[in-house]
Amino acid sequence: MKIREQIYKAIEGVYGQQNFSVEHPGDERRGDYASNIAMVMAKELGKSPRDLAQEVVVRLTKDERLMEIVEKMEVAGPGFINFWIRDGVLVDGLREMLKSGNHCLDSDFMSGKKVLVEYSSPNIAKRFSVGHLRSTIIGQALFNLYRHSGAEVTSDNHLGDWGTQFGMIIAAVEEKKLEVSKMRVSDLEVIYIEFNKQIEEEPELKDKAREAFVRLESGDESARKIWKACIEVSMKEFEAIYEKLEVSFEHQYGESSYEKMMPVIIEEAMETGVAVEGEGGALIVKFERDGKEFMPPAMLRKSDGTTTYFTRDLATIRKRLDEPDLKSDLYVYEVGSEQTPHFRQVFEAARRLWEDAKTVEFKHVAHGLMTVGGEKMSTRKGTNIKLEDLIFRAGEEARQRAKEEVAEDNAEKIGLGAMKYNELRRSPEINFEFKWEEALSMEGNSGPYLQYVYVRTKGILKNSRTQELKNSRNFRLNEDERRLASWLVLRVGGGEMVESAAKNFAPHLVCQTLFELSQKFNSFYDRNRVIGVKEQDLRLLLVAVTRLAIKNGLEILGIETVEKM
């Protein structure tokens, strides 16, 4: 049982109350854990919180199992109870983390559950933008978090290979008699941008694009040939980018994969009354409760008979509920926040259509808007920063800043890690302004800073070997040793960091925890000699576990460590 759980169970045994918390206090000097049980129970028992807290402490002191791990308890503030864990227990925890190796950060809170994470989801015939970087990297980190949480996890790259934009590309290709197979994605993107500009001057071209998409959905051979060539050209370039980012997927289904399912879903929605006819013969789904609309209606089928994103996303859910490889208890969609209303509609409609959609959880992890120069990036306007440009520039920046002895491939890893960490250190929903100097920062709360601490620990351990510590229950740690040990065992290890980040769909909590760990390690090492002192074995253990935690933590974030800086 985890230390936090042991404290919780002991308190629960006093009153049988379950609506209380055991958390880390904001000020580490106030102890390792703090509980609000007295403030929760005070009113019910007709006592002051502080008096009740004192009573709880007296009763907990008689709990022999609890006192094996707790050194002291104190009442603080309005009635908090603070707990200090015994030094020997912390040392045992360090040894257990070292013994666990690459699993030292793992949790088991999702054991027996299945999770599907959808992320990246680029559009065919459009280059990756920096905006797509957020979904790709955050999604991969979420996948890794749930894998380290004991769940059976799968991933799906939901490719945008269908929709009205292909009507524009097909119309332009046919008009100019272009050979798509000889083009690059950048060429296809230019065609799309130029066609949108033409529409502003010649509005009738919009009808031509609609007609081309209708032909595509109807199976027209010429339209299908152009569309397939666009997919082949795009996927070749996408795979090269994924390889560079070290991102992979177990499934990659394009929106077109659901083409045959959509007529069935439309018919089912009509038969059940979930969909009704709207203006011009379009089919819509209304969202009403007690006769009042609580969300705008969604279009299931346009008046010209073509489908929408809404239709295709419903088909996606149906496929995922039906197929054993995809069926899960939790479905995580890592998609931009501008799609929040859309996914609310999709999830609600799915629950109305199918009983089995009510028994699973759908979660939209919405990443915030990234702007450049105060403006939203747009492929249509040609204002996107391209991902391949950022990857190249990250490597160049790292090479310039790294020491001469750093190998070129290490510099590229450092640069790529800096770029990924810059994306992950923020809460996903935050909007932010993209700045080159910030994205490639090598200082402060950054990937390179954590890389530096990792390399530093490797150097200390290079010519040393940790020895088995005996009688750890009698260990007394100095302030620096204790602060580092407590952070490692009670906040990073034991699955706590992973569980917190996974439950909150928040990779940035991993970044924050590792950054604070790195700061605590540097403070410890700057003030305490490690080699050639009587505390050498203990301090080498602290160094070794810090190295292991940073390495595994960065791997969860999708960042590869380097051996030299």
Protein backbone atom coordinates (compact mmCIF):
# COMPACT_ATOMS: atom_id res chain seq x y z
CA MET A 1 0.00 0.00 0.00
CA LYS A 2 1.28 3.48 -0.86
CA ILE A 3 2.27 5.77 2.00
CA ARG A 4 -0.47 8.29 1.21
CA GLU A 5 -3.05 5.45 1.18
CA GLN A 6 -1.78 4.14 4.52
CA ILE A 7 -2.31 7.56 6.10
CA TYR A 8 -5.74 7.87 4.49
CA LYS A 9 -6.85 4.43 5.68
CA ALA A 10 -5.64 5.14 9.22
CA ILE A 11 -7.62 8.41 9.38
CA GLU A 12 -10.65 6.73 7.82
CA GLY A 13 -10.49 4.12 10.57
CA VAL A 14 -10.94 6.80 13.21
CA TYR A 15 -14.33 8.12 12.06
CA GLY A 16 -15.26 6.16 8.95
CA GLN A 17 -15.39 9.47 7.10
CA GLN A 18 -14.36 9.35 3.43
CA ASN A 19 -14.89 12.92 2.26
CA PHE A 20 -11.51 14.28 3.26
CA SER A 21 -8.10 14.73 1.64
CA VAL A 22 -4.51 13.75 2.27
CA GLU A 23 -2.26 16.00 0.18
CA HIS A 24 1.21 17.46 0.15
CA PRO A 25 1.27 20.82 1.94
CA GLY A 26 2.23 23.82 -0.17
CA ASP A 27 5.12 24.56 2.20
CA GLU A 28 7.41 21.52 2.48
CA ARG A 29 8.49 22.69 5.93
CA ARG A 30 4.94 21.85 7.10
CA GLY A 31 5.51 18.14 6.60
CA ASP A 32 5.24 15.49 3.92
CA TYR A 33 1.45 15.19 4.00
CA ALA A 34 -1.45 17.17 5.43
CA SER A 35 -5.09 16.21 6.04
CA ASN A 36 -8.21 18.34 6.45
CA ILE A 37 -10.22 15.63 8.25
CA ALA A 38 -10.81 17.78 11.36
CA MET A 39 -12.24 20.68 9.35
CA VAL A 40 -14.51 18.29 7.44
CA MET A 41 -15.86 16.65 10.62
CA ALA A 42 -15.88 19.60 13.04
CA LYS A 43 -19.37 20.91 12.30
CA GLU A 44 -20.93 17.44 12.35
CA LEU A 45 -19.36 16.68 15.75
CA GLY A 46 -19.94 20.15 17.19
CA LYS A 47 -16.28 20.81 17.97
CA SER A 48 -13.68 23.34 16.90
CA PRO A 49 -11.45 22.05 14.08
CA ARG A 50 -8.26 22.49 16.10
CA ASP A 51 -9.62 20.67 19.13
CA LEU A 52 -10.86 17.85 16.93
CA ALA A 53 -7.51 17.72 15.12
CA GLN A 54 -5.75 17.24 18.47
CA GLU A 55 -8.11 14.36 19.28
CA VAL A 56 -7.42 12.74 15.91
CA VAL A 57 -3.66 12.99 16.47
CA VAL A 58 -3.97 11.29 19.88
CA ARG A 59 -5.99 8.43 18.36
CA LEU A 60 -3.67 8.05 15.37
CA THR A 61 -0.64 7.87 17.68
CA LYS A 62 -2.06 4.58 18.98
CA ASP A 63 -2.10 3.09 15.47
CA GLU A 64 1.07 0.95 15.53
CA ARG A 65 1.14 0.31 11.77
CA LEU A 66 0.82 4.02 11.01
CA MET A 67 3.54 4.96 13.49
CA GLU A 68 5.93 2.59 11.75
CA ILE A 69 6.01 5.03 8.84
CA VAL A 70 5.13 8.34 10.54
CA GLU A 71 7.72 10.05 12.72
CA LYS A 72 5.55 12.86 14.01
CA MET A 73 2.19 14.64 13.58
CA GLU A 74 1.31 18.25 14.32
CA VAL A 75 -1.82 20.37 14.22
CA ALA A 76 -1.41 23.49 12.10
CA GLY A 77 -3.45 26.51 11.03
CA PRO A 78 -7.23 26.24 11.37
CA GLY A 79 -7.06 22.50 11.95
CA PHE A 80 -4.82 20.75 9.44
CA ILE A 81 -2.93 17.68 10.61
CA ASN A 82 0.60 17.52 9.22
CA PHE A 83 2.56 14.27 8.92
CA TRP A 84 6.32 13.70 8.68
CA ILE A 85 7.47 10.36 7.25
CA ARG A 86 10.37 8.55 8.93
CA ASP A 87 13.77 8.95 7.26
CA GLY A 88 14.25 5.18 7.16
CA VAL A 89 11.00 4.77 5.24
CA LEU A 90 12.23 7.29 2.67
CA VAL A 91 15.52 5.40 2.28
CA ASP A 92 13.60 2.15 1.81
CA GLY A 93 11.56 3.93 -0.85
CA LEU A 94 14.72 5.01 -2.66
CA ARG A 95 16.02 1.45 -2.70
CA GLU A 96 12.69 0.19 -4.03
CA MET A 97 12.75 2.78 -6.83
CA LEU A 98 16.27 1.76 -7.83
CA LYS A 99 15.25 -1.89 -7.79
CA SER A 100 12.22 -1.11 -10.01
CA GLY A 101 14.48 0.36 -12.70
CA ASN A 102 12.56 1.58 -15.74
CA HIS A 103 9.28 0.98 -13.88
CA CYS A 104 10.17 3.21 -10.92
CA LEU A 105 7.58 5.84 -11.90
CA ASP A 106 4.78 3.44 -12.82
CA SER A 107 1.29 3.48 -11.34
CA ASP A 108 -1.34 0.75 -11.44
CA PHE A 109 -4.48 2.86 -11.02
CA MET A 110 -5.69 1.97 -14.55
CA SER A 111 -4.87 -1.73 -14.32
CA GLY A 112 -7.46 -3.82 -16.17
CA LYS A 113 -8.74 -0.82 -18.17
CA LYS A 114 -8.41 -0.10 -21.88
CA VAL A 115 -7.65 3.37 -23.25
CA LEU A 116 -7.61 4.73 -26.81
CA VAL A 117 -5.79 8.00 -27.46
CA GLU A 118 -6.44 9.90 -30.69
CA TYR A 119 -3.84 12.52 -31.55
CA SER A 120 -1.95 14.37 -34.29
CA SER A 121 -4.70 13.99 -36.94
CA PRO A 122 -3.09 16.03 -39.75
CA ASN A 123 -4.96 16.93 -42.90
CA ILE A 124 -3.96 15.24 -46.14
CA ALA A 125 -2.57 17.67 -48.74
CA LYS A 126 -1.51 20.15 -46.06
CA ARG A 127 1.93 20.44 -44.50
CA PHE A 128 2.31 19.93 -40.78
CA SER A 129 2.11 23.24 -38.96
CA VAL A 130 3.48 24.11 -35.54
CA GLY A 131 -0.15 23.96 -34.44
CA HIS A 132 -0.21 20.22 -35.23
CA LEU A 133 2.89 19.82 -33.10
CA ARG A 134 0.82 20.40 -29.97
CA SER A 135 -1.62 17.57 -30.66
CA THR A 136 1.14 15.18 -31.77
CA ILE A 137 3.42 15.70 -28.78
CA ILE A 138 0.75 16.12 -26.10
CA GLY A 139 -1.08 13.07 -27.46
CA GLN A 140 2.05 10.90 -27.42
CA ALA A 141 2.75 11.98 -23.82
CA LEU A 142 -0.82 11.08 -22.81
CA PHE A 143 -0.42 7.70 -24.51
CA ASN A 144 2.81 7.13 -22.56
CA LEU A 145 1.22 8.23 -19.28
CA TYR A 146 -1.61 5.74 -19.57
CA ARG A 147 0.79 3.00 -20.60
CA HIS A 148 2.72 3.69 -17.38
CA SER A 149 -0.58 3.69 -15.44
CA GLY A 150 -1.22 0.00 -16.00
CA ALA A 151 -3.79 0.41 -18.78
CA GLU A 152 -3.90 -1.44 -22.07
CA VAL A 153 -3.44 1.49 -24.45
CA THR A 154 -3.83 1.92 -28.18
CA SER A 155 -3.44 4.97 -30.41
CA ASP A 156 -5.24 6.21 -33.51
CA ASN A 157 -4.11 8.88 -35.93
CA HIS A 158 -7.43 10.17 -37.30
CA LEU A 159 -6.30 11.47 -40.70
CA GLY A 160 -8.21 14.27 -42.39
CA ASP A 161 -8.52 12.65 -45.82
CA TRP A 162 -12.13 13.58 -46.62
CA GLY A 163 -14.21 16.72 -46.85
CA THR A 164 -14.93 19.77 -48.99
CA GLN A 165 -11.26 20.83 -49.12
CA PHE A 166 -10.66 17.90 -51.47
CA GLY A 167 -13.33 19.27 -53.74
CA MET A 168 -11.20 22.41 -54.05
CA ILE A 169 -8.00 20.47 -54.73
CA ILE A 170 -9.66 18.14 -57.24
CA ALA A 171 -11.25 21.07 -59.06
CA ALA A 172 -7.91 22.92 -59.22
CA VAL A 173 -5.96 19.84 -60.35
CA GLU A 174 -8.47 19.11 -63.10
CA GLU A 175 -8.58 22.71 -64.26
CA LYS A 176 -4.79 22.99 -64.52
CA LYS A 177 -4.24 19.36 -65.63
CA LEU A 178 -1.65 18.72 -62.88
CA GLU A 179 0.07 15.41 -62.05
CA VAL A 180 -0.28 14.98 -58.26
CA SER A 181 2.12 12.02 -57.99
CA LYS A 182 4.99 14.29 -59.04
CA MET A 183 4.17 16.95 -56.43
CA ARG A 184 5.05 17.52 -52.79
CA VAL A 185 2.65 18.33 -49.96
CA SER A 186 3.80 21.95 -50.14
CA ASP A 187 2.67 22.07 -53.78
CA LEU A 188 -0.76 20.70 -52.86
CA GLU A 189 -1.04 23.27 -50.11
CA VAL A 190 -0.24 26.09 -52.55
CA ILE A 191 -3.01 24.79 -54.84
CA TYR A 192 -5.45 24.93 -51.91
CA ILE A 193 -4.39 28.44 -50.87
CA GLU A 194 -4.54 29.81 -54.40
CA PHE A 195 -7.95 28.25 -55.02
CA ASN A 196 -9.32 29.94 -51.89
CA LYS A 197 -7.98 33.27 -53.13
CA GLN A 198 -9.61 32.66 -56.51
CA ILE A 199 -12.95 32.00 -54.82
CA GLU A 200 -12.85 35.52 -53.36
CA GLU A 201 -12.71 36.91 -56.90
CA GLU A 202 -14.81 34.20 -58.58
CA PRO A 203 -17.46 32.95 -56.08
CA GLU A 204 -18.81 30.51 -58.68
CA LEU A 205 -15.69 28.37 -58.11
CA LYS A 206 -17.13 27.36 -54.73
CA ASP A 207 -19.92 25.53 -56.58
CA LYS A 208 -17.33 23.82 -58.75
CA ALA A 209 -15.53 22.59 -55.61
CA ARG A 210 -18.78 21.32 -54.11
CA GLU A 211 -19.55 19.45 -57.31
CA ALA A 212 -16.08 17.85 -57.25
CA PHE A 213 -16.59 16.64 -53.68
CA VAL A 214 -20.00 15.21 -54.55
CA ARG A 215 -18.27 13.27 -57.35
CA LEU A 216 -15.65 12.05 -54.91
CA GLU A 217 -18.29 10.77 -52.48
CA SER A 218 -20.17 9.19 -55.38
CA GLY A 219 -17.09 7.18 -56.40
CA ASP A 220 -16.17 9.07 -59.59
CA GLU A 221 -13.01 7.40 -60.96
CA SER A 222 -11.21 10.61 -61.92
CA ALA A 223 -11.88 12.30 -58.58
CA ARG A 224 -10.84 9.19 -56.67
CA LYS A 225 -7.56 8.93 -58.57
CA ILE A 226 -6.56 12.49 -57.66
CA TRP A 227 -7.63 11.96 -54.05
CA LYS A 228 -5.60 8.74 -53.67
CA ALA A 229 -2.52 10.40 -55.13
CA CYS A 230 -2.86 13.22 -52.57
CA ILE A 231 -2.91 10.64 -49.76
CA GLU A 232 0.18 8.80 -51.05
CA VAL A 233 2.21 12.00 -51.42
CA SER A 234 1.14 13.28 -47.99
CA MET A 235 1.71 10.08 -46.02
CA LYS A 236 5.24 9.70 -47.35
CA GLU A 237 6.17 13.10 -45.93
CA PHE A 238 4.16 12.63 -42.72
CA GLU A 239 5.94 9.38 -41.90
CA ALA A 240 9.32 11.10 -42.23
CA ILE A 241 8.22 13.75 -39.72
CA TYR A 242 6.86 11.15 -37.28
CA GLU A 243 10.14 9.26 -37.48
CA LYS A 244 12.04 12.43 -36.66
CA LEU A 245 9.72 13.18 -33.72
CA GLU A 246 9.90 9.52 -32.55
CA VAL A 247 6.11 9.34 -32.60
CA SER A 248 4.25 6.22 -33.69
CA PHE A 249 0.68 4.97 -33.97
CA GLU A 250 -0.90 1.55 -33.69
CA HIS A 251 -3.78 2.60 -35.96
CA GLN A 252 -4.09 5.23 -38.67
CA TYR A 253 -7.63 5.50 -40.01
CA GLY A 254 -8.57 8.30 -42.36
CA GLU A 255 -12.03 9.81 -42.32
CA SER A 256 -12.65 7.98 -45.59
CA SER A 257 -12.47 4.67 -43.68
CA TYR A 258 -15.95 5.37 -42.38
CA GLU A 259 -17.48 6.08 -45.80
CA LYS A 260 -19.58 2.88 -45.93
CA MET A 261 -20.71 3.26 -42.32
CA MET A 262 -22.17 6.73 -42.72
CA PRO A 263 -25.34 5.84 -44.66
CA VAL A 264 -26.18 3.25 -41.99
CA ILE A 265 -25.67 5.77 -39.18
CA ILE A 266 -27.75 8.39 -40.99
CA GLU A 267 -30.57 5.89 -41.43
CA GLU A 268 -30.36 4.83 -37.77
CA ALA A 269 -30.44 8.46 -36.63
CA MET A 270 -33.56 9.08 -38.73
CA GLU A 271 -35.35 5.91 -37.54
CA THR A 272 -34.71 6.68 -33.86
CA GLY A 273 -35.72 10.32 -34.23
CA VAL A 274 -32.26 11.54 -33.19
CA ALA A 275 -32.00 13.32 -36.56
CA VAL A 276 -34.73 15.46 -38.11
CA GLU A 277 -35.09 17.19 -41.43
CA GLY A 278 -34.01 20.81 -41.57
CA GLU A 279 -34.05 23.53 -44.21
CA GLY A 280 -33.49 22.47 -47.80
CA GLY A 281 -33.66 18.78 -46.97
CA ALA A 282 -30.59 18.75 -44.73
CA LEU A 283 -30.59 16.39 -41.73
CA ILE A 284 -29.82 17.87 -38.33
CA VAL A 285 -29.53 16.67 -34.74
CA LYS A 286 -31.11 18.96 -32.18
CA PHE A 287 -29.92 19.10 -28.58
CA GLU A 288 -32.84 19.93 -26.33
CA ARG A 289 -33.66 19.20 -22.71
CA ASP A 290 -37.08 19.88 -21.21
CA GLY A 291 -38.05 21.61 -24.43
CA LYS A 292 -35.10 23.99 -24.32
CA GLU A 293 -32.04 23.97 -26.56
CA PHE A 294 -28.80 23.55 -24.59
CA MET A 295 -26.48 23.25 -27.60
CA PRO A 296 -26.75 24.43 -31.20
CA PRO A 297 -27.97 21.76 -33.65
CA ALA A 298 -25.42 19.73 -35.62
CA MET A 299 -25.66 18.88 -39.31
CA LEU A 300 -25.65 15.17 -40.05
CA ARG A 301 -26.12 15.46 -43.81
CA LYS A 302 -26.01 18.54 -46.03
CA SER A 303 -28.82 19.46 -48.41
CA ASP A 304 -26.66 18.30 -51.37
CA GLY A 305 -26.41 14.83 -49.79
CA THR A 306 -22.77 15.06 -48.67
CA THR A 307 -21.62 14.20 -45.14
CA THR A 308 -19.95 16.37 -42.51
CA TYR A 309 -17.27 16.12 -39.83
CA PHE A 310 -20.09 15.40 -37.40
CA THR A 311 -21.25 12.38 -39.42
CA ARG A 312 -17.74 11.02 -39.77
CA ASP A 313 -16.93 11.43 -36.08
CA LEU A 314 -20.09 9.53 -35.14
CA ALA A 315 -19.00 6.76 -37.50
CA THR A 316 -15.58 6.80 -35.83
CA ILE A 317 -17.16 6.22 -32.43
CA ARG A 318 -19.28 3.37 -33.78
CA LYS A 319 -16.22 1.66 -35.25
CA ARG A 320 -14.31 2.08 -32.01
CA LEU A 321 -17.14 0.61 -29.98
CA ASP A 322 -17.49 -2.37 -32.31
CA GLU A 323 -13.92 -3.47 -33.04
CA PRO A 324 -12.06 -5.41 -30.29
CA ASP A 325 -8.72 -3.71 -31.07
CA LEU A 326 -10.29 -0.28 -30.59
CA LYS A 327 -12.97 -0.88 -27.96
CA SER A 328 -11.95 0.87 -24.73
CA ASP A 329 -13.17 2.13 -21.37
CA LEU A 330 -11.76 5.60 -22.01
CA TYR A 331 -11.44 7.45 -25.32
CA VAL A 332 -9.11 10.46 -25.25
CA TYR A 333 -9.31 12.96 -28.12
CA GLU A 334 -6.32 15.35 -28.21
CA VAL A 335 -7.66 18.05 -30.55
CA GLY A 336 -7.58 21.86 -30.56
CA SER A 337 -9.92 23.81 -28.27
CA GLU A 338 -11.77 25.31 -31.25
CA GLN A 339 -13.34 21.86 -31.66
CA THR A 340 -14.79 21.78 -28.13
CA PRO A 341 -18.41 22.56 -29.17
CA HIS A 342 -18.15 19.98 -31.95
CA PHE A 343 -17.06 17.18 -29.64
CA ARG A 344 -19.73 18.04 -27.08
CA GLN A 345 -22.27 17.52 -29.86
CA VAL A 346 -20.65 14.30 -31.10
CA PHE A 347 -20.42 12.68 -27.66
CA GLU A 348 -23.98 13.66 -26.75
CA ALA A 349 -25.35 12.37 -30.06
CA ALA A 350 -23.47 9.07 -29.64
CA ARG A 351 -25.04 8.54 -26.21
CA ARG A 352 -28.48 9.20 -27.67
CA LEU A 353 -27.93 6.75 -30.50
CA TRP A 354 -26.26 3.83 -28.73
CA GLU A 355 -26.56 2.29 -25.28
CA ASP A 356 -22.95 1.07 -25.26
CA ALA A 357 -21.77 4.68 -25.73
CA LYS A 358 -23.25 5.46 -22.31
CA THR A 359 -21.01 2.93 -20.54
CA VAL A 360 -17.66 4.41 -21.62
CA GLU A 361 -15.94 7.74 -21.06
CA PHE A 362 -15.16 10.24 -23.81
CA LYS A 363 -12.63 12.95 -22.99
CA HIS A 364 -11.66 15.84 -25.24
CA VAL A 365 -8.23 17.16 -24.20
CA ALA A 366 -8.35 20.55 -25.85
CA HIS A 367 -5.05 22.27 -26.56
CA GLY A 368 -5.13 26.04 -26.71
CA LEU A 369 -4.65 28.32 -29.66
CA MET A 370 -1.14 29.10 -30.83
CA THR A 371 -0.76 32.50 -32.48
CA VAL A 372 2.05 34.17 -34.42
CA GLY A 373 2.35 37.93 -34.28
CA GLY A 374 -1.02 38.04 -32.56
CA GLU A 375 -2.79 36.22 -35.40
CA LYS A 376 -4.13 32.68 -35.65
CA MET A 377 -2.13 30.48 -38.01
CA SER A 378 -4.07 29.58 -41.14
CA THR A 379 -3.24 27.32 -44.08
CA ARG A 380 -5.90 29.09 -46.13
CA LYS A 381 -4.12 32.42 -45.62
CA GLY A 382 -0.65 30.87 -45.89
CA THR A 383 0.37 32.03 -42.39
CA ASN A 384 1.38 28.67 -40.86
CA ILE A 385 4.85 28.04 -39.42
CA LYS A 386 5.86 24.65 -40.79
CA LEU A 387 6.88 21.86 -38.47
CA GLU A 388 9.78 20.72 -40.61
CA ASP A 389 11.19 24.27 -40.43
CA LEU A 390 10.98 24.22 -36.64
CA ILE A 391 12.65 20.79 -36.39
CA PHE A 392 15.52 21.93 -38.60
CA ARG A 393 15.95 25.19 -36.71
CA ALA A 394 15.85 23.40 -33.33
CA GLY A 395 18.79 21.22 -34.36
CA GLU A 396 20.76 24.17 -35.69
CA GLU A 397 20.14 26.20 -32.53
CA ALA A 398 21.32 23.33 -30.31
CA ARG A 399 24.48 22.86 -32.38
CA GLN A 400 25.38 26.52 -31.98
CA ARG A 401 24.78 26.53 -28.22
CA ALA A 402 26.27 23.13 -27.35
CA LYS A 403 29.90 22.67 -26.40
CA GLU A 404 32.30 21.57 -29.11
CA GLU A 405 32.67 18.06 -27.70
CA VAL A 406 28.95 17.32 -28.03
CA ALA A 407 28.29 15.00 -30.95
CA GLU A 408 26.07 16.30 -33.72
CA ASP A 409 23.37 13.68 -33.12
CA ASN A 410 23.30 14.65 -29.42
CA ALA A 411 22.82 18.30 -30.39
CA GLU A 412 19.86 17.34 -32.53
CA LYS A 413 18.35 15.34 -29.64
CA ILE A 414 18.84 18.31 -27.32
CA GLY A 415 17.20 20.68 -29.80
CA LEU A 416 14.27 18.36 -30.46
CA GLY A 417 13.86 17.75 -26.72
CA ALA A 418 13.84 21.51 -26.09
CA MET A 419 11.09 21.96 -28.66
CA LYS A 420 8.96 19.14 -27.20
CA TYR A 421 9.43 20.26 -23.61
CA ASN A 422 8.45 23.82 -24.52
CA GLU A 423 5.11 22.46 -25.76
CA LEU A 424 4.52 20.13 -22.82
CA ARG A 425 5.43 22.39 -19.91
CA ARG A 426 2.23 24.39 -20.33
CA SER A 427 -1.23 23.20 -19.38
CA PRO A 428 -2.68 21.99 -22.72
CA GLU A 429 -5.63 24.41 -22.77
CA ILE A 430 -3.48 27.55 -22.49
CA ASN A 431 -3.38 29.90 -25.48
CA PHE A 432 0.08 31.27 -26.19
CA GLU A 433 2.10 33.31 -28.62
CA PHE A 434 4.67 31.29 -30.55
CA LYS A 435 8.17 32.77 -30.26
CA TRP A 436 11.25 31.22 -31.78
CA GLU A 437 13.52 32.26 -28.90
CA GLU A 438 11.16 30.67 -26.36
CA ALA A 439 10.60 27.46 -28.33
CA LEU A 440 14.35 26.90 -28.57
CA SER A 441 15.29 28.08 -25.08
CA MET A 442 18.12 26.12 -23.51
CA GLU A 443 17.76 27.63 -20.02
CA GLY A 444 15.38 27.70 -17.03
CA ASN A 445 12.41 25.36 -17.00
CA SER A 446 13.47 23.67 -20.21
CA GLY A 447 14.35 20.32 -21.71
CA PRO A 448 18.08 21.11 -21.88
CA TYR A 449 18.13 22.01 -18.17
CA LEU A 450 16.78 18.57 -17.28
CA GLN A 451 19.21 16.99 -19.76
CA TYR A 452 22.04 18.81 -17.99
CA VAL A 453 21.03 17.45 -14.57
CA TYR A 454 20.76 13.95 -16.01
CA VAL A 455 24.27 14.20 -17.51
CA ARG A 456 25.54 15.55 -14.19
CA THR A 457 24.20 12.51 -12.31
CA LYS A 458 25.74 10.19 -14.90
CA GLY A 459 29.11 11.85 -14.37
CA ILE A 460 28.95 11.38 -10.59
CA LEU A 461 28.04 7.72 -10.95
CA LYS A 462 30.49 7.00 -13.75
CA ASN A 463 33.34 5.77 -11.56
CA SER A 464 31.30 4.92 -8.48
CA ARG A 465 29.08 2.11 -7.36
CA THR A 466 26.24 2.24 -4.87
CA GLN A 467 26.47 -0.24 -2.03
CA GLU A 468 23.60 -2.01 -0.29
CA LEU A 469 22.46 0.10 2.65
CA LYS A 470 21.80 -1.78 5.87
CA ASN A 471 19.63 -0.82 8.85
CA SER A 472 17.97 1.91 6.81
CA ARG A 473 15.31 2.40 9.50
CA ASN A 474 17.97 4.02 11.66
CA PHE A 475 19.09 6.51 9.05
CA ARG A 476 19.00 10.21 9.87
CA LEU A 477 19.02 12.47 6.84
CA ASN A 478 20.27 16.03 6.77
CA GLU A 479 17.93 18.73 5.46
CA ASP A 480 19.15 18.56 1.84
CA GLU A 481 19.13 14.76 1.76
CA ARG A 482 15.67 14.62 3.23
CA ARG A 483 14.21 17.21 0.88
CA LEU A 484 15.51 15.33 -2.16
CA ALA A 485 14.55 11.88 -0.81
CA SER A 486 11.04 13.04 0.07
CA TRP A 487 10.50 14.52 -3.38
CA LEU A 488 11.72 11.37 -5.08
CA VAL A 489 9.82 8.83 -2.99
CA LEU A 490 6.60 10.71 -2.17
CA ARG A 491 6.04 12.87 -5.25
CA VAL A 492 7.92 11.33 -8.18
CA GLY A 493 8.01 7.62 -7.35
CA GLY A 494 5.34 5.22 -6.27
CA GLY A 495 3.24 6.16 -9.28
CA GLU A 496 2.17 9.48 -7.74
CA MET A 497 3.49 11.78 -10.49
CA VAL A 498 2.21 9.53 -13.28
CA GLU A 499 -1.19 9.00 -11.67
CA SER A 500 -1.74 12.70 -11.06
CA ALA A 501 -0.75 13.65 -14.61
CA ALA A 502 -2.82 10.87 -16.20
CA LYS A 503 -5.95 11.55 -14.13
CA ASN A 504 -5.77 15.22 -15.03
CA PHE A 505 -4.76 14.62 -18.68
CA ALA A 506 -1.86 16.94 -17.91
CA PRO A 507 1.69 16.10 -19.09
CA HIS A 508 2.76 19.53 -17.82
CA LEU A 509 2.54 18.13 -14.27
CA VAL A 510 5.35 15.72 -15.19
CA CYS A 511 7.41 18.67 -16.48
CA GLN A 512 6.82 20.67 -13.31
CA THR A 513 7.63 17.77 -10.99
CA LEU A 514 10.83 16.87 -12.86
CA PHE A 515 11.92 20.51 -12.98
CA GLU A 516 11.51 20.87 -9.20
CA LEU A 517 13.30 17.55 -8.71
CA SER A 518 16.21 18.87 -10.79
CA GLN A 519 16.37 22.04 -8.72
CA LYS A 520 16.37 20.07 -5.49
CA PHE A 521 19.11 17.78 -6.78
CA ASN A 522 21.32 20.71 -7.76
CA SER A 523 20.82 22.30 -4.34
CA PHE A 524 21.68 19.01 -2.65
CA TYR A 525 24.78 18.42 -4.77
CA ASP A 526 26.08 21.98 -4.48
CA ARG A 527 26.04 21.75 -0.68
CA ASN A 528 26.91 18.11 -0.05
CA ARG A 529 29.98 16.17 -1.08
CA VAL A 530 29.09 12.74 -2.41
CA ILE A 531 32.33 10.81 -2.92
CA GLY A 532 34.79 10.07 -0.11
CA VAL A 533 32.52 10.81 2.86
CA LYS A 534 30.87 8.46 5.36
CA GLU A 535 27.48 9.19 3.78
CA GLN A 536 28.78 8.17 0.35
CA ASP A 537 26.52 5.12 -0.12
CA LEU A 538 23.38 7.01 0.85
CA ARG A 539 24.24 9.98 -1.35
CA LEU A 540 25.13 7.80 -4.31
CA LEU A 541 21.72 6.19 -3.89
CA LEU A 542 20.10 9.63 -4.08
CA VAL A 543 22.10 10.41 -7.21
CA ALA A 544 21.25 7.09 -8.85
CA VAL A 545 17.52 7.40 -8.20
CA THR A 546 17.50 11.00 -9.43
CA ARG A 547 19.18 9.88 -12.65
CA LEU A 548 16.66 7.08 -13.09
CA ALA A 549 13.66 9.34 -12.38
CA ILE A 550 14.75 12.04 -14.85
CA LYS A 551 15.51 9.51 -17.57
CA ASN A 552 12.18 7.74 -17.23
CA GLY A 553 10.27 10.98 -16.77
CA LEU A 554 11.70 12.44 -19.97
CA GLU A 555 10.90 9.23 -21.82
CA ILE A 556 7.25 9.57 -20.74
CA LEU A 557 7.34 13.04 -22.29
CA GLY A 558 8.79 11.55 -25.49
CA ILE A 559 12.23 13.11 -24.92
CA GLU A 560 15.39 11.05 -25.35
CA THR A 561 18.23 11.69 -22.91
CA VAL A 562 21.79 12.37 -24.01
CA GLU A 563 24.95 11.09 -22.34
CA LYS A 564 27.07 14.19 -22.83
CA MET A 565 26.55 17.97 -22.95
